[in-house]
PDB file of N, CA and C in Angstrom:
ATOM      1  N   MET A   1      -0.001 -29.447 -14.666  1.00  0.00           N
ATOM      2  CA  MET A   1       0.963 -28.388 -14.935  1.00  0.00           C
ATOM      3  C   MET A   1       0.235 -27.089 -15.299  1.00  0.00           C
ATOM      4  N   GLU A   2      -0.865 -27.201 -16.022  1.00  0.00           N
ATOM      5  CA  GLU A   2      -1.592 -26.001 -16.439  1.00  0.00           C
ATOM      6  C   GLU A   2      -2.050 -25.184 -15.232  1.00  0.00           C
ATOM      7  N   ASN A   3      -2.568 -25.861 -14.202  1.00  0.00           N
ATOM      8  CA  ASN A   3      -3.009 -25.142 -13.000  1.00  0.00           C
ATOM      9  C   ASN A   3      -1.836 -24.506 -12.269  1.00  0.00           C
ATOM     10  N   PHE A   4      -0.701 -25.182 -12.267  1.00  0.00           N
ATOM     11  CA  PHE A   4       0.490 -24.620 -11.628  1.00  0.00           C
ATOM     12  C   PHE A   4       0.923 -23.350 -12.357  1.00  0.00           C
ATOM     13  N   ILE A   5       0.933 -23.392 -13.674  1.00  0.00           N
ATOM     14  CA  ILE A   5       1.304 -22.209 -14.465  1.00  0.00           C
ATOM     15  C   ILE A   5       0.317 -21.074 -14.210  1.00  0.00           C
ATOM     16  N   LYS A   6      -0.967 -21.398 -14.115  1.00  0.00           N
ATOM     17  CA  LYS A   6      -1.971 -20.372 -13.821  1.00  0.00           C
ATOM     18  C   LYS A   6      -1.731 -19.751 -12.451  1.00  0.00           C
ATOM     19  N   SER A   7      -1.325 -20.575 -11.478  1.00  0.00           N
ATOM     20  CA  SER A   7      -1.066 -20.028 -10.144  1.00  0.00           C
ATOM     21  C   SER A   7       0.153 -19.114 -10.147  1.00  0.00           C
ATOM     22  N   ILE A   8       1.152 -19.445 -10.942  1.00  0.00           N
ATOM     23  CA  ILE A   8       2.311 -18.564 -11.077  1.00  0.00           C
ATOM     24  C   ILE A   8       1.885 -17.235 -11.709  1.00  0.00           C
ATOM     25  N   ALA A   9       1.044 -17.295 -12.718  1.00  0.00           N
ATOM     26  CA  ALA A   9       0.565 -16.069 -13.367  1.00  0.00           C
ATOM     27  C   ALA A   9      -0.213 -15.196 -12.392  1.00  0.00           C
ATOM     28  N   LYS A  10      -1.041 -15.807 -11.527  1.00  0.00           N
ATOM     29  CA  LYS A  10      -1.779 -15.038 -10.520  1.00  0.00           C
ATOM     30  C   LYS A  10      -0.812 -14.389  -9.532  1.00  0.00           C
ATOM     31  N   THR A  11       0.202 -15.153  -9.153  1.00  0.00           N
ATOM     32  CA  THR A  11       1.206 -14.619  -8.229  1.00  0.00           C
ATOM     33  C   THR A  11       1.930 -13.436  -8.847  1.00  0.00           C
ATOM     34  N   LEU A  12       2.308 -13.577 -10.088  1.00  0.00           N
ATOM     35  CA  LEU A  12       2.970 -12.479 -10.802  1.00  0.00           C
ATOM     36  C   LEU A  12       2.095 -11.238 -10.820  1.00  0.00           C
ATOM     37  N   SER A  13       0.820 -11.426 -11.108  1.00  0.00           N
ATOM     38  CA  SER A  13      -0.110 -10.298 -11.134  1.00  0.00           C
ATOM     39  C   SER A  13      -0.202  -9.636  -9.755  1.00  0.00           C
ATOM     40  N   SER A  14      -0.289 -10.453  -8.722  1.00  0.00           N
ATOM     41  CA  SER A  14      -0.379  -9.915  -7.357  1.00  0.00           C
ATOM     42  C   SER A  14       0.884  -9.173  -6.957  1.00  0.00           C
ATOM     43  N   ILE A  15       2.030  -9.724  -7.295  1.00  0.00           N
ATOM     44  CA  ILE A  15       3.295  -9.071  -6.961  1.00  0.00           C
ATOM     45  C   ILE A  15       3.432  -7.756  -7.734  1.00  0.00           C
ATOM     46  N   SER A  16       2.997  -7.745  -8.966  1.00  0.00           N
ATOM     47  CA  SER A  16       3.033  -6.494  -9.742  1.00  0.00           C
ATOM     48  C   SER A  16       2.145  -5.441  -9.105  1.00  0.00           C
ATOM     49  N   GLU A  17       0.968  -5.841  -8.656  1.00  0.00           N
ATOM     50  CA  GLU A  17       0.055  -4.919  -7.977  1.00  0.00           C
ATOM     51  C   GLU A  17       0.668  -4.430  -6.669  1.00  0.00           C
ATOM     52  N   MET A  18       1.299  -5.344  -5.912  1.00  0.00           N
ATOM     53  CA  MET A  18       1.953  -4.956  -4.667  1.00  0.00           C
ATOM     54  C   MET A  18       3.048  -3.924  -4.950  1.00  0.00           C
ATOM     55  N   SER A  19       3.817  -4.148  -5.998  1.00  0.00           N
ATOM     56  CA  SER A  19       4.877  -3.217  -6.362  1.00  0.00           C
ATOM     57  C   SER A  19       4.304  -1.838  -6.692  1.00  0.00           C
ATOM     58  N   ASP A  20       3.225  -1.819  -7.452  1.00  0.00           N
ATOM     59  CA  ASP A  20       2.586  -0.543  -7.782  1.00  0.00           C
ATOM     60  C   ASP A  20       2.108   0.176  -6.526  1.00  0.00           C
ATOM     61  N   GLN A  21       1.502  -0.580  -5.613  1.00  0.00           N
ATOM     62  CA  GLN A  21       1.007   0.026  -4.374  1.00  0.00           C
ATOM     63  C   GLN A  21       2.157   0.493  -3.490  1.00  0.00           C
ATOM     64  N   TRP A  22       3.240  -0.247  -3.496  1.00  0.00           N
ATOM     65  CA  TRP A  22       4.425   0.124  -2.719  1.00  0.00           C
ATOM     66  C   TRP A  22       4.952   1.461  -3.219  1.00  0.00           C
ATOM     67  N   GLN A  23       5.013   1.626  -4.529  1.00  0.00           N
ATOM     68  CA  GLN A  23       5.496   2.870  -5.118  1.00  0.00           C
ATOM     69  C   GLN A  23       4.582   4.049  -4.779  1.00  0.00           C
ATOM     70  N   ALA A  24       3.299   3.768  -4.529  1.00  0.00           N
ATOM     71  CA  ALA A  24       2.333   4.828  -4.248  1.00  0.00           C
ATOM     72  C   ALA A  24       2.279   5.214  -2.766  1.00  0.00           C
ATOM     73  N   LEU A  25       3.010   4.500  -1.916  1.00  0.00           N
ATOM     74  CA  LEU A  25       2.987   4.803  -0.486  1.00  0.00           C
ATOM     75  C   LEU A  25       3.604   6.170  -0.198  1.00  0.00           C
ATOM     76  N   SER A  26       3.162   6.752   0.902  1.00  0.00           N
ATOM     77  CA  SER A  26       3.795   7.977   1.371  1.00  0.00           C
ATOM     78  C   SER A  26       5.226   7.638   1.781  1.00  0.00           C
ATOM     79  N   GLU A  27       6.053   8.650   1.916  1.00  0.00           N
ATOM     80  CA  GLU A  27       7.443   8.430   2.298  1.00  0.00           C
ATOM     81  C   GLU A  27       7.539   7.720   3.652  1.00  0.00           C
ATOM     82  N   ASN A  28       6.708   8.132   4.597  1.00  0.00           N
ATOM     83  CA  ASN A  28       6.716   7.527   5.927  1.00  0.00           C
ATOM     84  C   ASN A  28       6.323   6.052   5.863  1.00  0.00           C
ATOM     85  N   ASP A  29       5.252   5.747   5.135  1.00  0.00           N
ATOM     86  CA  ASP A  29       4.815   4.355   5.022  1.00  0.00           C
ATOM     87  C   ASP A  29       5.830   3.523   4.243  1.00  0.00           C
ATOM     88  N   SER A  30       6.417   4.102   3.224  1.00  0.00           N
ATOM     89  CA  SER A  30       7.432   3.397   2.453  1.00  0.00           C
ATOM     90  C   SER A  30       8.640   3.062   3.333  1.00  0.00           C
ATOM     91  N   ASP A  31       9.015   3.983   4.207  1.00  0.00           N
ATOM     92  CA  ASP A  31      10.118   3.723   5.133  1.00  0.00           C
ATOM     93  C   ASP A  31       9.805   2.537   6.041  1.00  0.00           C
ATOM     94  N   LYS A  32       8.547   2.446   6.509  1.00  0.00           N
ATOM     95  CA  LYS A  32       8.132   1.321   7.352  1.00  0.00           C
ATOM     96  C   LYS A  32       8.266   0.010   6.588  1.00  0.00           C
ATOM     97  N   VAL A  33       7.795  -0.005   5.358  1.00  0.00           N
ATOM     98  CA  VAL A  33       7.843  -1.227   4.549  1.00  0.00           C
ATOM     99  C   VAL A  33       9.287  -1.595   4.240  1.00  0.00           C
ATOM    100  N   ASN A  34      10.096  -0.617   3.899  1.00  0.00           N
ATOM    101  CA  ASN A  34      11.498  -0.885   3.579  1.00  0.00           C
ATOM    102  C   ASN A  34      12.295  -1.369   4.788  1.00  0.00           C
ATOM    103  N   ALA A  35      11.839  -1.028   5.983  1.00  0.00           N
ATOM    104  CA  ALA A  35      12.546  -1.414   7.202  1.00  0.00           C
ATOM    105  C   ALA A  35      12.352  -2.887   7.565  1.00  0.00           C
ATOM    106  N   ILE A  36      11.397  -3.528   6.954  1.00  0.00           N
ATOM    107  CA  ILE A  36      11.130  -4.933   7.274  1.00  0.00           C
ATOM    108  C   ILE A  36      12.250  -5.799   6.709  1.00  0.00           C
ATOM    109  N   THR A  37      12.857  -6.554   7.574  1.00  0.00           N
ATOM    110  CA  THR A  37      14.006  -7.366   7.166  1.00  0.00           C
ATOM    111  C   THR A  37      13.616  -8.680   6.500  1.00  0.00           C
ATOM    112  N   ALA A  38      12.378  -9.082   6.632  1.00  0.00           N
ATOM    113  CA  ALA A  38      11.945 -10.375   6.086  1.00  0.00           C
ATOM    114  C   ALA A  38      11.839 -10.392   4.566  1.00  0.00           C
ATOM    115  N   TRP A  39      11.904  -9.232   3.911  1.00  0.00           N
ATOM    116  CA  TRP A  39      11.803  -9.223   2.443  1.00  0.00           C
ATOM    117  C   TRP A  39      12.874 -10.112   1.820  1.00  0.00           C
ATOM    118  N   GLY A  40      14.092 -10.014   2.275  1.00  0.00           N
ATOM    119  CA  GLY A  40      15.176 -10.826   1.728  1.00  0.00           C
ATOM    120  C   GLY A  40      15.003 -12.303   2.018  1.00  0.00           C
ATOM    121  N   GLU A  41      14.376 -12.599   3.134  1.00  0.00           N
ATOM    122  CA  GLU A  41      14.140 -13.995   3.514  1.00  0.00           C
ATOM    123  C   GLU A  41      13.240 -14.705   2.502  1.00  0.00           C
ATOM    124  N   ILE A  42      12.284 -13.987   1.957  1.00  0.00           N
ATOM    125  CA  ILE A  42      11.307 -14.596   1.041  1.00  0.00           C
ATOM    126  C   ILE A  42      11.988 -15.259  -0.147  1.00  0.00           C
ATOM    127  N   PHE A  43      13.068 -14.703  -0.608  1.00  0.00           N
ATOM    128  CA  PHE A  43      13.714 -15.233  -1.799  1.00  0.00           C
ATOM    129  C   PHE A  43      14.724 -16.331  -1.480  1.00  0.00           C
ATOM    130  N   ASN A  44      14.836 -16.680  -0.215  1.00  0.00           N
ATOM    131  CA  ASN A  44      15.778 -17.717   0.200  1.00  0.00           C
ATOM    132  C   ASN A  44      15.088 -18.884   0.891  1.00  0.00           C
ATOM    133  N   ILE A  45      13.778 -19.012   0.733  1.00  0.00           N
ATOM    134  CA  ILE A  45      13.038 -20.088   1.379  1.00  0.00           C
ATOM    135  C   ILE A  45      12.218 -20.845   0.348  1.00  0.00           C
ATOM    136  N   SER A  46      11.637 -21.942   0.779  1.00  0.00           N
ATOM    137  CA  SER A  46      10.805 -22.724  -0.139  1.00  0.00           C
ATOM    138  C   SER A  46       9.477 -22.009  -0.364  1.00  0.00           C
ATOM    139  N   VAL A  47       8.858 -22.321  -1.468  1.00  0.00           N
ATOM    140  CA  VAL A  47       7.571 -21.713  -1.812  1.00  0.00           C
ATOM    141  C   VAL A  47       6.544 -21.982  -0.712  1.00  0.00           C
ATOM    142  N   ASP A  48       6.612 -23.149  -0.092  1.00  0.00           N
ATOM    143  CA  ASP A  48       5.666 -23.494   0.968  1.00  0.00           C
ATOM    144  C   ASP A  48       5.764 -22.564   2.169  1.00  0.00           C
ATOM    145  N   GLU A  49       6.919 -21.985   2.391  1.00  0.00           N
ATOM    146  CA  GLU A  49       7.130 -21.134   3.560  1.00  0.00           C
ATOM    147  C   GLU A  49       6.784 -19.664   3.298  1.00  0.00           C
ATOM    148  N   ILE A  50       6.687 -19.267   2.053  1.00  0.00           N
ATOM    149  CA  ILE A  50       6.439 -17.855   1.710  1.00  0.00           C
ATOM    150  C   ILE A  50       5.173 -17.310   2.358  1.00  0.00           C
ATOM    151  N   PRO A  51       4.045 -18.030   2.328  1.00  0.00           N
ATOM    152  CA  PRO A  51       2.844 -17.467   2.968  1.00  0.00           C
ATOM    153  C   PRO A  51       3.037 -17.139   4.448  1.00  0.00           C
ATOM    154  N   PHE A  52       3.829 -17.955   5.154  1.00  0.00           N
ATOM    155  CA  PHE A  52       4.058 -17.697   6.574  1.00  0.00           C
ATOM    156  C   PHE A  52       4.889 -16.433   6.786  1.00  0.00           C
ATOM    157  N   VAL A  53       5.882 -16.232   5.948  1.00  0.00           N
ATOM    158  CA  VAL A  53       6.701 -15.021   6.057  1.00  0.00           C
ATOM    159  C   VAL A  53       5.860 -13.803   5.693  1.00  0.00           C
ATOM    160  N   LEU A  54       5.057 -13.906   4.648  1.00  0.00           N
ATOM    161  CA  LEU A  54       4.191 -12.778   4.280  1.00  0.00           C
ATOM    162  C   LEU A  54       3.203 -12.461   5.398  1.00  0.00           C
ATOM    163  N   SER A  55       2.694 -13.486   6.064  1.00  0.00           N
ATOM    164  CA  SER A  55       1.790 -13.255   7.195  1.00  0.00           C
ATOM    165  C   SER A  55       2.499 -12.512   8.316  1.00  0.00           C
ATOM    166  N   ARG A  56       3.759 -12.869   8.569  1.00  0.00           N
ATOM    167  CA  ARG A  56       4.542 -12.153   9.591  1.00  0.00           C
ATOM    168  C   ARG A  56       4.744 -10.694   9.198  1.00  0.00           C
ATOM    169  N   ILE A  57       4.987 -10.450   7.915  1.00  0.00           N
ATOM    170  CA  ILE A  57       5.161  -9.073   7.444  1.00  0.00           C
ATOM    171  C   ILE A  57       3.876  -8.284   7.653  1.00  0.00           C
ATOM    172  N   ILE A  58       2.745  -8.887   7.307  1.00  0.00           N
ATOM    173  CA  ILE A  58       1.463  -8.210   7.494  1.00  0.00           C
ATOM    174  C   ILE A  58       1.254  -7.895   8.967  1.00  0.00           C
ATOM    175  N   ASP A  59       1.511  -8.867   9.841  1.00  0.00           N
ATOM    176  CA  ASP A  59       1.365  -8.638  11.280  1.00  0.00           C
ATOM    177  C   ASP A  59       2.250  -7.487  11.738  1.00  0.00           C
ATOM    178  N   GLU A  60       3.482  -7.442  11.250  1.00  0.00           N
ATOM    179  CA  GLU A  60       4.400  -6.369  11.642  1.00  0.00           C
ATOM    180  C   GLU A  60       3.891  -5.010  11.180  1.00  0.00           C
ATOM    181  N   LEU A  61       3.412  -4.956   9.950  1.00  0.00           N
ATOM    182  CA  LEU A  61       2.899  -3.686   9.430  1.00  0.00           C
ATOM    183  C   LEU A  61       1.633  -3.235  10.160  1.00  0.00           C
ATOM    184  N   GLU A  62       0.839  -4.199  10.612  1.00  0.00           N
ATOM    185  CA  GLU A  62      -0.395  -3.881  11.346  1.00  0.00           C
ATOM    186  C   GLU A  62      -0.142  -3.667  12.838  1.00  0.00           C
ATOM    187  N   GLY A  63       1.124  -3.833  13.251  1.00  0.00           N
ATOM    188  CA  GLY A  63       1.483  -3.588  14.644  1.00  0.00           C
ATOM    189  C   GLY A  63       1.071  -4.704  15.594  1.00  0.00           C
ATOM    190  N   LYS A  64       0.942  -5.908  15.083  1.00  0.00           N
ATOM    191  CA  LYS A  64       0.548  -7.051  15.936  1.00  0.00           C
ATOM    192  C   LYS A  64       1.739  -7.709  16.554  1.00  0.00           C
TER     193      LYS A  64
END
């Protein structure tokens, strides 16, 4: 359980950093990020599936 709690804490830290970076984006880049529809999907799937959705988001942002 201790390792699981530590992994949640790391995730929280990463999400907080992502939020800070999102706020620092230019208006144009922020519009691109906000246009991604998969953000809502992340909160409606199992934890095991989240990395795959995040990978799709990264691919979309990188134009792949």
